[in-house]
C-alpha atoms as a PDB file:
ATOM      1  CA  UNK A   1     107.748  14.052  40.683  1.00  0.00           C
ATOM      2  CA  UNK A   2     110.718  14.146  42.419  1.00  0.00           C
ATOM      3  CA  UNK A   3     111.591  16.963  44.244  1.00  0.00           C
ATOM      4  CA  UNK A   4     108.850  19.827  45.337  1.00  0.00           C
ATOM      5  CA  UNK A   5     109.260  23.648  46.938  1.00  0.00           C
ATOM      6  CA  UNK A   6     107.385  23.840  49.971  1.00  0.00           C
ATOM      7  CA  UNK A   7     106.090  26.936  51.990  1.00  0.00           C
ATOM      8  CA  UNK A   8     109.821  27.452  53.260  1.00  0.00           C
ATOM      9  CA  UNK A   9     110.148  29.345  50.318  1.00  0.00           C
ATOM     10  CA  UNK A  10     107.383  31.848  50.613  1.00  0.00           C
ATOM     11  CA  UNK A  11     108.714  35.392  50.719  1.00  0.00           C
ATOM     12  CA  UNK A  12     112.081  34.390  50.580  1.00  0.00           C
ATOM     13  CA  UNK A  13     112.523  33.237  46.987  1.00  0.00           C
ATOM     14  CA  UNK A  14     116.350  32.826  47.202  1.00  0.00           C
ATOM     15  CA  UNK A  15     117.071  31.392  43.606  1.00  0.00           C
ATOM     16  CA  UNK A  16     120.074  29.383  44.387  1.00  0.00           C
ATOM     17  CA  UNK A  17     118.584  26.400  43.146  1.00  0.00           C
ATOM     18  CA  UNK A  18     117.638  28.168  39.716  1.00  0.00           C
ATOM     19  CA  UNK A  19     121.262  28.115  39.020  1.00  0.00           C
ATOM     20  CA  UNK A  20     122.105  24.772  39.346  1.00  0.00           C
ATOM     21  CA  UNK A  21     119.307  23.146  37.570  1.00  0.00           C
ATOM     22  CA  UNK A  22     120.471  21.121  34.679  1.00  0.00           C
ATOM     23  CA  UNK A  23     116.806  21.210  33.144  1.00  0.00           C
ATOM     24  CA  UNK A  24     115.428  24.083  33.994  1.00  0.00           C
ATOM     25  CA  UNK A  25     112.365  22.898  35.885  1.00  0.00           C
ATOM     26  CA  UNK A  26     112.012  25.986  38.321  1.00  0.00           C
ATOM     27  CA  UNK A  27     109.007  28.234  37.707  1.00  0.00           C
ATOM     28  CA  UNK A  28     108.353  31.443  39.487  1.00  0.00           C
ATOM     29  CA  UNK A  29     105.636  32.899  41.071  1.00  0.00           C
ATOM     30  CA  UNK A  30     104.914  36.429  42.693  1.00  0.00           C
ATOM     31  CA  UNK A  31     106.605  35.043  46.141  1.00  0.00           C
ATOM     32  CA  UNK A  32     107.777  31.550  45.420  1.00  0.00           C
ATOM     33  CA  UNK A  33     109.064  28.654  43.129  1.00  0.00           C
ATOM     34  CA  UNK A  34     107.785  25.580  42.040  1.00  0.00           C
ATOM     35  CA  UNK A  35     109.340  22.617  40.231  1.00  0.00           C
ATOM     36  CA  UNK A  36     107.774  21.289  37.372  1.00  0.00           C
ATOM     37  CA  UNK A  37     106.828  16.756  38.323  1.00  0.00           C
ATOM     38  CA  UNK A  38     107.498  16.013  34.505  1.00  0.00           C
ATOM     39  CA  UNK A  39     110.629  18.156  33.890  1.00  0.00           C
ATOM     40  CA  UNK A  40     112.870  17.306  37.552  1.00  0.00           C
ATOM     41  CA  UNK A  41     115.016  14.935  36.660  1.00  0.00           C
ATOM     42  CA  UNK A  42     115.566  13.438  40.613  1.00  0.00           C
ATOM     43  CA  UNK A  43     119.134  14.540  40.412  1.00  0.00           C
ATOM     44  CA  UNK A  44     119.101  16.519  43.429  1.00  0.00           C
ATOM     45  CA  UNK A  45     121.469  19.270  42.855  1.00  0.00           C
ATOM     46  CA  UNK A  46     118.924  21.723  43.926  1.00  0.00           C
ATOM     47  CA  UNK A  47     118.188  20.277  47.435  1.00  0.00           C
ATOM     48  CA  UNK A  48     121.365  21.498  49.029  1.00  0.00           C
ATOM     49  CA  UNK A  49     121.713  24.534  47.224  1.00  0.00           C
ATOM     50  CA  UNK A  50     118.402  26.045  49.353  1.00  0.00           C
ATOM     51  CA  UNK A  51     119.569  28.051  52.202  1.00  0.00           C
ATOM     52  CA  UNK A  52     116.216  27.989  53.609  1.00  0.00           C
ATOM     53  CA  UNK A  53     115.557  24.192  53.068  1.00  0.00           C
ATOM     54  CA  UNK A  54     112.463  24.778  51.155  1.00  0.00           C
ATOM     55  CA  UNK A  55     113.438  21.957  48.325  1.00  0.00           C
ATOM     56  CA  UNK A  56     112.257  18.181  49.555  1.00  0.00           C
ATOM     57  CA  UNK A  57     112.146  15.184  48.074  1.00  0.00           C
ATOM     58  CA  UNK A  58     108.079  14.938  47.061  1.00  0.00           C
ATOM     59  CA  UNK A  59     108.243  11.370  49.303  1.00  0.00           C
ATOM     60  CA  UNK A  60     108.908  13.340  52.516  1.00  0.00           C
ATOM     61  CA  UNK A  61     106.163  13.676  54.743  1.00  0.00           C
ATOM     62  CA  UNK A  62     103.303  15.994  55.282  1.00  0.00           C
ATOM     63  CA  UNK A  63     104.177  17.489  51.757  1.00  0.00           C
ATOM     64  CA  UNK A  64     101.289  16.056  49.833  1.00  0.00           C
ATOM     65  CA  UNK A  65      99.369  19.523  49.643  1.00  0.00           C
ATOM     66  CA  UNK A  66     102.864  20.804  47.956  1.00  0.00           C
ATOM     67  CA  UNK A  67     103.127  18.277  45.275  1.00  0.00           C
ATOM     68  CA  UNK A  68      99.693  19.166  44.181  1.00  0.00           C
ATOM     69  CA  UNK A  69     100.818  23.169  44.216  1.00  0.00           C
ATOM     70  CA  UNK A  70     104.318  22.415  42.579  1.00  0.00           C
ATOM     71  CA  UNK A  71     102.091  20.117  39.793  1.00  0.00           C
ATOM     72  CA  UNK A  72      99.354  23.063  39.492  1.00  0.00           C
ATOM     73  CA  UNK A  73     101.776  26.380  39.352  1.00  0.00           C
ATOM     74  CA  UNK A  74     104.580  25.237  37.521  1.00  0.00           C
ATOM     75  CA  UNK A  75     101.741  24.486  34.376  1.00  0.00           C
ATOM     76  CA  UNK A  76     101.053  28.307  35.060  1.00  0.00           C
ATOM     77  CA  UNK A  77     103.912  30.262  35.847  1.00  0.00           C
ATOM     78  CA  UNK A  78     106.708  31.346  33.636  1.00  0.00           C
ATOM     79  CA  UNK A  79     110.002  29.627  33.861  1.00  0.00           C
ATOM     80  CA  UNK A  80     112.983  30.961  35.548  1.00  0.00           C
ATOM     81  CA  UNK A  81     116.852  29.643  35.103  1.00  0.00           C
ATOM     82  CA  UNK A  82     118.770  32.526  36.038  1.00  0.00           C
ATOM     83  CA  UNK A  83     119.399  33.416  39.385  1.00  0.00           C
ATOM     84  CA  UNK A  84     117.890  37.136  40.232  1.00  0.00           C
ATOM     85  CA  UNK A  85     118.299  38.775  43.621  1.00  0.00           C
ATOM     86  CA  UNK A  86     116.058  38.012  46.205  1.00  0.00           C
ATOM     87  CA  UNK A  87     113.023  39.944  47.346  1.00  0.00           C
ATOM     88  CA  UNK A  88     114.251  42.790  49.568  1.00  0.00           C
ATOM     89  CA  UNK A  89     112.761  41.289  52.990  1.00  0.00           C
ATOM     90  CA  UNK A  90     113.615  37.583  52.357  1.00  0.00           C
ATOM     91  CA  UNK A  91     116.133  37.732  55.224  1.00  0.00           C
ATOM     92  CA  UNK A  92     113.228  38.834  57.409  1.00  0.00           C
ATOM     93  CA  UNK A  93     110.858  35.630  56.207  1.00  0.00           C
ATOM     94  CA  UNK A  94     113.448  33.082  56.609  1.00  0.00           C
ATOM     95  CA  UNK A  95     113.028  30.691  58.986  1.00  0.00           C
ATOM     96  CA  UNK A  96     109.678  31.752  59.569  1.00  0.00           C
ATOM     97  CA  UNK A  97     107.067  28.541  59.843  1.00  0.00           C
ATOM     98  CA  UNK A  98     103.797  28.032  58.470  1.00  0.00           C
ATOM     99  CA  UNK A  99     103.434  30.653  55.816  1.00  0.00           C
ATOM    100  CA  UNK A 100     101.204  28.934  53.618  1.00  0.00           C
ATOM    101  CA  UNK A 101      98.706  31.742  53.847  1.00  0.00           C
ATOM    102  CA  UNK A 102     100.965  34.084  52.692  1.00  0.00           C
ATOM    103  CA  UNK A 103     101.152  32.168  49.360  1.00  0.00           C
ATOM    104  CA  UNK A 104     100.082  34.321  45.991  1.00  0.00           C
ATOM    105  CA  UNK A 105      98.917  32.411  42.962  1.00  0.00           C
ATOM    106  CA  UNK A 106     100.080  35.063  41.165  1.00  0.00           C
ATOM    107  CA  UNK A 107     102.749  34.473  38.293  1.00  0.00           C
ATOM    108  CA  UNK A 108     105.962  35.460  38.774  1.00  0.00           C
ATOM    109  CA  UNK A 109     108.876  37.552  36.096  1.00  0.00           C
ATOM    110  CA  UNK A 110     110.261  34.397  34.643  1.00  0.00           C
ATOM    111  CA  UNK A 111     113.312  35.006  32.561  1.00  0.00           C
END
């Protein structure tokens, strides 16, 4: 696994990253996105596209639980490769710390 999505994405789900991914390795949950570990090619183009800095290299400190979560849910959720509008209240959630308790295991819409 090369890049992962962390809890900064929860309830924001801005989707700028999916538009630039050359291998379509993003998967959509109800309130966040994840990256499939076997599909990511470590190109790094998604990381600077995320306005809430929710995408990090998997080797970043203190992200072990997010490495596991990305691996688990990318196998369960539908693929997404087209940017859609973020949730209506996304701006209200940007920058809020410790959103892990808000995580939903439910799948999103996908493409």
